[in-house]
Protein backbone atom coordinates (compact mmCIF):
# COMPACT_ATOMS: atom_id res chain seq x y z
CA UNK A 1 34.75 23.69 -57.25
CA UNK A 2 31.50 22.43 -56.27
CA UNK A 3 30.03 25.28 -53.82
CA UNK A 4 29.31 22.39 -50.40
CA UNK A 5 33.62 21.16 -50.32
CA UNK A 6 34.07 24.77 -50.56
CA UNK A 7 31.97 25.23 -47.09
CA UNK A 8 33.90 22.21 -45.63
CA UNK A 9 37.22 23.75 -46.66
CA UNK A 10 36.00 26.63 -45.30
CA UNK A 11 34.07 25.73 -42.27
CA UNK A 12 36.96 25.75 -39.75
CA UNK A 13 40.02 27.63 -39.44
CA UNK A 14 42.40 24.36 -39.66
CA UNK A 15 42.22 21.87 -42.25
CA UNK A 16 44.48 18.68 -43.16
CA UNK A 17 46.96 18.31 -45.68
CA UNK A 18 48.50 15.57 -46.16
CA UNK A 19 52.10 15.28 -47.82
CA UNK A 20 54.79 12.30 -48.69
CA UNK A 21 58.30 12.57 -46.50
CA UNK A 22 61.05 11.96 -48.27
CA UNK A 23 61.24 8.19 -47.86
CA UNK A 24 57.58 7.98 -49.14
CA UNK A 25 55.73 7.95 -45.75
CA UNK A 26 53.03 9.97 -45.35
CA UNK A 27 52.90 13.32 -43.06
CA UNK A 28 49.63 14.30 -42.28
CA UNK A 29 49.71 18.58 -40.84
CA UNK A 30 47.65 21.25 -39.58
CA UNK A 31 47.12 24.14 -42.40
CA UNK A 32 45.09 27.43 -42.63
CA UNK A 33 43.65 27.51 -46.38
CA UNK A 34 42.16 30.75 -48.15
CA UNK A 35 40.24 29.55 -51.39
CA UNK A 36 39.93 32.40 -54.05
CA UNK A 37 39.12 32.61 -58.01
CA UNK A 38 38.82 28.26 -57.85
CA UNK A 39 42.24 28.02 -55.93
CA UNK A 40 43.11 26.91 -52.71
CA UNK A 41 46.12 28.98 -50.89
CA UNK A 42 48.36 27.38 -48.02
CA UNK A 43 49.01 29.25 -45.26
CA UNK A 44 52.68 28.18 -43.90
CA UNK A 45 56.12 29.11 -42.95
CA UNK A 46 58.31 28.41 -45.83
CA UNK A 47 60.17 26.40 -44.20
CA UNK A 48 58.14 24.50 -42.74
CA UNK A 49 58.47 20.54 -43.09
CA UNK A 50 54.75 20.79 -44.90
CA UNK A 51 56.05 23.22 -47.09
CA UNK A 52 59.84 20.89 -48.12
CA UNK A 53 57.62 18.07 -48.42
CA UNK A 54 55.73 20.00 -50.95
CA UNK A 55 58.85 21.04 -52.72
CA UNK A 56 60.25 18.12 -53.17
CA UNK A 57 56.64 16.08 -54.31
CA UNK A 58 53.60 18.31 -54.73
CA UNK A 59 51.90 15.62 -54.66
CA UNK A 60 49.17 16.74 -51.66
CA UNK A 61 45.53 16.33 -50.18
CA UNK A 62 43.54 18.66 -47.98
CA UNK A 63 40.73 17.27 -46.13
CA UNK A 64 38.14 19.79 -43.79
CA UNK A 65 37.87 17.54 -41.17
CA UNK A 66 34.53 16.94 -39.68
CA UNK A 67 32.35 18.75 -37.12
CA UNK A 68 30.55 15.86 -34.59
CA UNK A 69 27.00 14.39 -34.80
CA UNK A 70 24.65 15.12 -33.72
CA UNK A 71 25.93 18.31 -35.60
CA UNK A 72 27.31 16.49 -38.58
CA UNK A 73 26.90 18.35 -42.69
CA UNK A 74 29.74 15.51 -44.06
CA UNK A 75 33.54 16.31 -45.02
CA UNK A 76 35.01 16.88 -48.09
CA UNK A 77 38.73 15.91 -49.80
CA UNK A 78 40.63 17.48 -52.59
CA UNK A 79 43.60 16.26 -53.64
CA UNK A 80 45.86 17.68 -56.88
CA UNK A 81 49.28 19.11 -56.81
CA UNK A 82 50.95 21.92 -55.04
CA UNK A 83 52.32 25.21 -57.33
C-alpha cells in the first residue's frame, strides 16, 4: 500500500465504506479501519447492514474523506473485495 494512501486512511478516525445493497443500489457508511501487515481491517458490528452487504457481495470501496481548505492535502480511495 502506498504510504500516502495509508496516511490519508489513518488521518481520520472514520472513513467511508461503499457497498452494494441486495438490489444493486450503492450504500455509503461511516466505518473505522485498522491497517497492519499490509491488510485493511474494517471495524463494525457483525450483523450491521454494511457487513451483510459484504457477505452477500464482497465488492467494496473505502474513501478517506478529506480536510477542509486550506489544510487540504488530498484524499485516497481503495477498492477491492472484502474477505
